[in-house]
Amino acid sequence: MKSRPTSELNSQSTPTHPGRVTLVTYGFKYGPPPTNYSFDVSFIKNPARDSRWGLFGSLDEEMAQFVLVQPKAEAFLKAVVPLIEVLCQCDDDLRIGIGCNAGRHRSRIVAAELQSRLRRVGIDAGLVHREEQLK
């Protein structure tokens, strides 16, 4: 795959990324997924520990905002999108794990936001919630 100049990576125009990206959310307690890259988002405050939702709280907009407004979550997302753009130049079939303890809350919320941001820069990203597949 031909590399592109750094200036092209930073441009505001929508780049073309011919590869495929699949984001896989998972819980560490169930073992690693079959991905070529993986990120641990356990550094983000867990909504499951908040009385509004509890361990088995359902994802909703309020919970998503609780996770995404955390400065560490935003810093991670801002850093990982350009990294994935570079990885797309090197590999045409990326499988990227986004993990937290159980794979129920933080990983799913961060992965959904990451998918949205990748699509905005022209990367077609799919999303699989592995722990839903285990039910």
C-alpha atoms as a PDB file:
ATOM      1  CA  MET A   1       0.000   0.000   0.000  1.00  0.00           C
ATOM      2  CA  LYS A   2       1.383   3.399  -0.947  1.00  0.00           C
ATOM      3  CA  SER A   3       2.042   5.737   1.979  1.00  0.00           C
ATOM      4  CA  ARG A   4       0.621   9.232   2.065  1.00  0.00           C
ATOM      5  CA  PRO A   5       2.320  12.402   3.235  1.00  0.00           C
ATOM      6  CA  THR A   6       1.628  13.480   6.812  1.00  0.00           C
ATOM      7  CA  SER A   7       0.007  16.692   5.590  1.00  0.00           C
ATOM      8  CA  GLU A   8      -2.628  14.601   3.828  1.00  0.00           C
ATOM      9  CA  LEU A   9      -3.384  12.741   7.058  1.00  0.00           C
ATOM     10  CA  ASN A  10      -4.017  16.003   8.861  1.00  0.00           C
ATOM     11  CA  SER A  11      -6.165  17.616   6.184  1.00  0.00           C
ATOM     12  CA  GLN A  12      -9.814  18.407   6.843  1.00  0.00           C
ATOM     13  CA  SER A  13     -10.944  16.703   3.629  1.00  0.00           C
ATOM     14  CA  THR A  14     -12.346  13.193   3.849  1.00  0.00           C
ATOM     15  CA  PRO A  15      -9.519  10.763   3.104  1.00  0.00           C
ATOM     16  CA  THR A  16     -10.074   7.486   1.321  1.00  0.00           C
ATOM     17  CA  HIS A  17      -9.142   4.440   3.358  1.00  0.00           C
ATOM     18  CA  PRO A  18      -9.490   1.282   1.280  1.00  0.00           C
ATOM     19  CA  GLY A  19      -9.098  -1.100   4.224  1.00  0.00           C
ATOM     20  CA  ARG A  20     -11.635  -2.504   6.599  1.00  0.00           C
ATOM     21  CA  VAL A  21     -11.744  -1.770  10.339  1.00  0.00           C
ATOM     22  CA  THR A  22     -13.737  -3.860  12.772  1.00  0.00           C
ATOM     23  CA  LEU A  23     -14.004  -2.656  16.358  1.00  0.00           C
ATOM     24  CA  VAL A  24     -14.586  -5.488  18.822  1.00  0.00           C
ATOM     25  CA  THR A  25     -15.747  -4.692  22.348  1.00  0.00           C
ATOM     26  CA  TYR A  26     -14.954  -7.250  25.016  1.00  0.00           C
ATOM     27  CA  GLY A  27     -14.563  -7.934  28.714  1.00  0.00           C
ATOM     28  CA  PHE A  28     -11.144  -8.868  30.044  1.00  0.00           C
ATOM     29  CA  LYS A  29     -12.636 -11.424  32.394  1.00  0.00           C
ATOM     30  CA  TYR A  30     -13.737 -13.449  29.349  1.00  0.00           C
ATOM     31  CA  GLY A  31     -10.313 -13.481  27.687  1.00  0.00           C
ATOM     32  CA  PRO A  32      -8.822 -11.601  24.740  1.00  0.00           C
ATOM     33  CA  PRO A  33     -10.615 -11.379  21.381  1.00  0.00           C
ATOM     34  CA  PRO A  34      -8.988 -12.359  18.056  1.00  0.00           C
ATOM     35  CA  THR A  35      -7.795  -8.864  17.149  1.00  0.00           C
ATOM     36  CA  ASN A  36      -4.516  -7.505  15.842  1.00  0.00           C
ATOM     37  CA  TYR A  37      -4.609  -4.475  18.163  1.00  0.00           C
ATOM     38  CA  SER A  38      -6.273  -3.883  21.502  1.00  0.00           C
ATOM     39  CA  PHE A  39      -6.929  -0.931  23.793  1.00  0.00           C
ATOM     40  CA  ASP A  40      -7.856  -1.034  27.465  1.00  0.00           C
ATOM     41  CA  VAL A  41     -10.366   1.677  28.412  1.00  0.00           C
ATOM     42  CA  SER A  42     -10.550   0.690  32.082  1.00  0.00           C
ATOM     43  CA  PHE A  43      -8.938   4.026  32.957  1.00  0.00           C
ATOM     44  CA  ILE A  44     -12.340   5.642  32.360  1.00  0.00           C
ATOM     45  CA  LYS A  45     -14.603   5.888  35.419  1.00  0.00           C
ATOM     46  CA  ASN A  46     -17.014   2.960  35.307  1.00  0.00           C
ATOM     47  CA  PRO A  47     -20.728   3.856  35.157  1.00  0.00           C
ATOM     48  CA  ALA A  48     -21.488   0.402  36.586  1.00  0.00           C
ATOM     49  CA  ARG A  49     -20.115   1.696  39.890  1.00  0.00           C
ATOM     50  CA  ASP A  50     -22.505   4.655  39.875  1.00  0.00           C
ATOM     51  CA  SER A  51     -25.823   4.294  41.727  1.00  0.00           C
ATOM     52  CA  ARG A  52     -27.736   5.611  38.692  1.00  0.00           C
ATOM     53  CA  TRP A  53     -27.025   2.421  36.739  1.00  0.00           C
ATOM     54  CA  GLY A  54     -25.371  -0.352  38.765  1.00  0.00           C
ATOM     55  CA  LEU A  55     -23.550  -3.391  37.391  1.00  0.00           C
ATOM     56  CA  PHE A  56     -26.267  -4.379  34.946  1.00  0.00           C
ATOM     57  CA  GLY A  57     -27.551  -0.943  33.973  1.00  0.00           C
ATOM     58  CA  SER A  58     -28.661  -0.548  30.377  1.00  0.00           C
ATOM     59  CA  LEU A  59     -26.782   1.771  28.068  1.00  0.00           C
ATOM     60  CA  ASP A  60     -28.560   5.055  27.513  1.00  0.00           C
ATOM     61  CA  GLU A  61     -27.669   8.580  26.418  1.00  0.00           C
ATOM     62  CA  GLU A  62     -27.046   9.745  29.993  1.00  0.00           C
ATOM     63  CA  MET A  63     -24.603   6.889  30.597  1.00  0.00           C
ATOM     64  CA  ALA A  64     -22.843   7.590  27.296  1.00  0.00           C
ATOM     65  CA  GLN A  65     -22.392  11.223  28.285  1.00  0.00           C
ATOM     66  CA  PHE A  66     -21.129  10.172  31.732  1.00  0.00           C
ATOM     67  CA  VAL A  67     -18.361   8.201  29.986  1.00  0.00           C
ATOM     68  CA  LEU A  68     -17.578  10.495  27.051  1.00  0.00           C
ATOM     69  CA  VAL A  69     -17.334  13.794  28.957  1.00  0.00           C
ATOM     70  CA  GLN A  70     -14.496  12.457  31.070  1.00  0.00           C
ATOM     71  CA  PRO A  71     -11.287  14.233  29.979  1.00  0.00           C
ATOM     72  CA  LYS A  72      -9.360  10.952  29.775  1.00  0.00           C
ATOM     73  CA  ALA A  73     -11.972   9.474  27.435  1.00  0.00           C
ATOM     74  CA  GLU A  74     -11.783  12.491  25.134  1.00  0.00           C
ATOM     75  CA  ALA A  75      -7.963  12.462  25.183  1.00  0.00           C
ATOM     76  CA  PHE A  76      -7.975   8.775  24.235  1.00  0.00           C
ATOM     77  CA  LEU A  77     -10.394   9.286  21.350  1.00  0.00           C
ATOM     78  CA  LYS A  78      -8.466  12.280  20.008  1.00  0.00           C
ATOM     79  CA  ALA A  79      -5.233  10.264  20.057  1.00  0.00           C
ATOM     80  CA  VAL A  80      -6.500   6.956  18.705  1.00  0.00           C
ATOM     81  CA  VAL A  81      -8.264   8.220  15.553  1.00  0.00           C
ATOM     82  CA  PRO A  82      -5.023   9.469  13.910  1.00  0.00           C
ATOM     83  CA  LEU A  83      -3.268   6.271  15.002  1.00  0.00           C
ATOM     84  CA  ILE A  84      -5.929   4.159  13.307  1.00  0.00           C
ATOM     85  CA  GLU A  85      -5.602   6.303  10.180  1.00  0.00           C
ATOM     86  CA  VAL A  86      -1.904   5.400  10.070  1.00  0.00           C
ATOM     87  CA  LEU A  87      -2.640   1.738  10.746  1.00  0.00           C
ATOM     88  CA  CYS A  88      -5.086   1.731   7.824  1.00  0.00           C
ATOM     89  CA  GLN A  89      -2.188   2.626   5.545  1.00  0.00           C
ATOM     90  CA  CYS A  90      -0.250  -0.393   6.821  1.00  0.00           C
ATOM     91  CA  ASP A  91      -2.947  -3.041   7.096  1.00  0.00           C
ATOM     92  CA  ASP A  92      -6.097  -3.450   5.009  1.00  0.00           C
ATOM     93  CA  ASP A  93      -7.974  -5.595   7.544  1.00  0.00           C
ATOM     94  CA  LEU A  94      -7.779  -4.142  11.045  1.00  0.00           C
ATOM     95  CA  ARG A  95      -9.499  -5.778  13.982  1.00  0.00           C
ATOM     96  CA  ILE A  96      -9.218  -3.537  17.015  1.00  0.00           C
ATOM     97  CA  GLY A  97     -10.305  -4.633  20.465  1.00  0.00           C
ATOM     98  CA  ILE A  98     -11.744  -2.109  22.906  1.00  0.00           C
ATOM     99  CA  GLY A  99     -11.832  -3.711  26.326  1.00  0.00           C
ATOM    100  CA  CYS A 100     -12.888  -3.085  29.894  1.00  0.00           C
ATOM    101  CA  ASN A 101     -13.584  -5.452  32.775  1.00  0.00           C
ATOM    102  CA  ALA A 102     -16.908  -6.933  31.630  1.00  0.00           C
ATOM    103  CA  GLY A 103     -17.361  -5.432  28.162  1.00  0.00           C
ATOM    104  CA  ARG A 104     -20.783  -4.044  29.072  1.00  0.00           C
ATOM    105  CA  HIS A 105     -20.438  -0.282  29.434  1.00  0.00           C
ATOM    106  CA  ARG A 106     -17.181   1.642  28.891  1.00  0.00           C
ATOM    107  CA  SER A 107     -15.892  -0.447  25.988  1.00  0.00           C
ATOM    108  CA  ARG A 108     -19.228  -0.339  24.163  1.00  0.00           C
ATOM    109  CA  ILE A 109     -19.704   3.416  24.634  1.00  0.00           C
ATOM    110  CA  VAL A 110     -16.129   4.268  23.617  1.00  0.00           C
ATOM    111  CA  ALA A 111     -16.236   1.925  20.621  1.00  0.00           C
ATOM    112  CA  ALA A 112     -19.509   3.414  19.354  1.00  0.00           C
ATOM    113  CA  GLU A 113     -18.042   6.925  19.600  1.00  0.00           C
ATOM    114  CA  LEU A 114     -14.816   5.747  17.957  1.00  0.00           C
ATOM    115  CA  GLN A 115     -16.811   4.190  15.116  1.00  0.00           C
ATOM    116  CA  SER A 116     -18.604   7.501  14.578  1.00  0.00           C
ATOM    117  CA  ARG A 117     -15.351   9.480  14.548  1.00  0.00           C
ATOM    118  CA  LEU A 118     -13.662   7.035  12.177  1.00  0.00           C
ATOM    119  CA  ARG A 119     -16.579   7.278   9.760  1.00  0.00           C
ATOM    120  CA  ARG A 120     -16.319  11.080   9.850  1.00  0.00           C
ATOM    121  CA  VAL A 121     -12.725  10.821   8.567  1.00  0.00           C
ATOM    122  CA  GLY A 122     -13.691   8.377   5.821  1.00  0.00           C
ATOM    123  CA  ILE A 123     -12.912   5.046   7.490  1.00  0.00           C
ATOM    124  CA  ASP A 124     -15.647   2.448   7.191  1.00  0.00           C
ATOM    125  CA  ALA A 125     -15.641   0.888  10.644  1.00  0.00           C
ATOM    126  CA  GLY A 126     -17.813  -2.003  11.731  1.00  0.00           C
ATOM    127  CA  LEU A 127     -18.675  -2.756  15.333  1.00  0.00           C
ATOM    128  CA  VAL A 128     -19.071  -6.100  17.112  1.00  0.00           C
ATOM    129  CA  HIS A 129     -19.969  -6.460  20.786  1.00  0.00           C
ATOM    130  CA  ARG A 130     -18.394  -9.833  21.563  1.00  0.00           C
ATOM    131  CA  GLU A 131     -20.065 -10.334  24.921  1.00  0.00           C
ATOM    132  CA  GLU A 132     -23.494 -10.008  23.279  1.00  0.00           C
ATOM    133  CA  GLN A 133     -22.474 -12.915  21.055  1.00  0.00           C
ATOM    134  CA  LEU A 134     -21.789 -15.085  24.143  1.00  0.00           C
ATOM    135  CA  LYS A 135     -25.347 -14.811  25.505  1.00  0.00           C
END
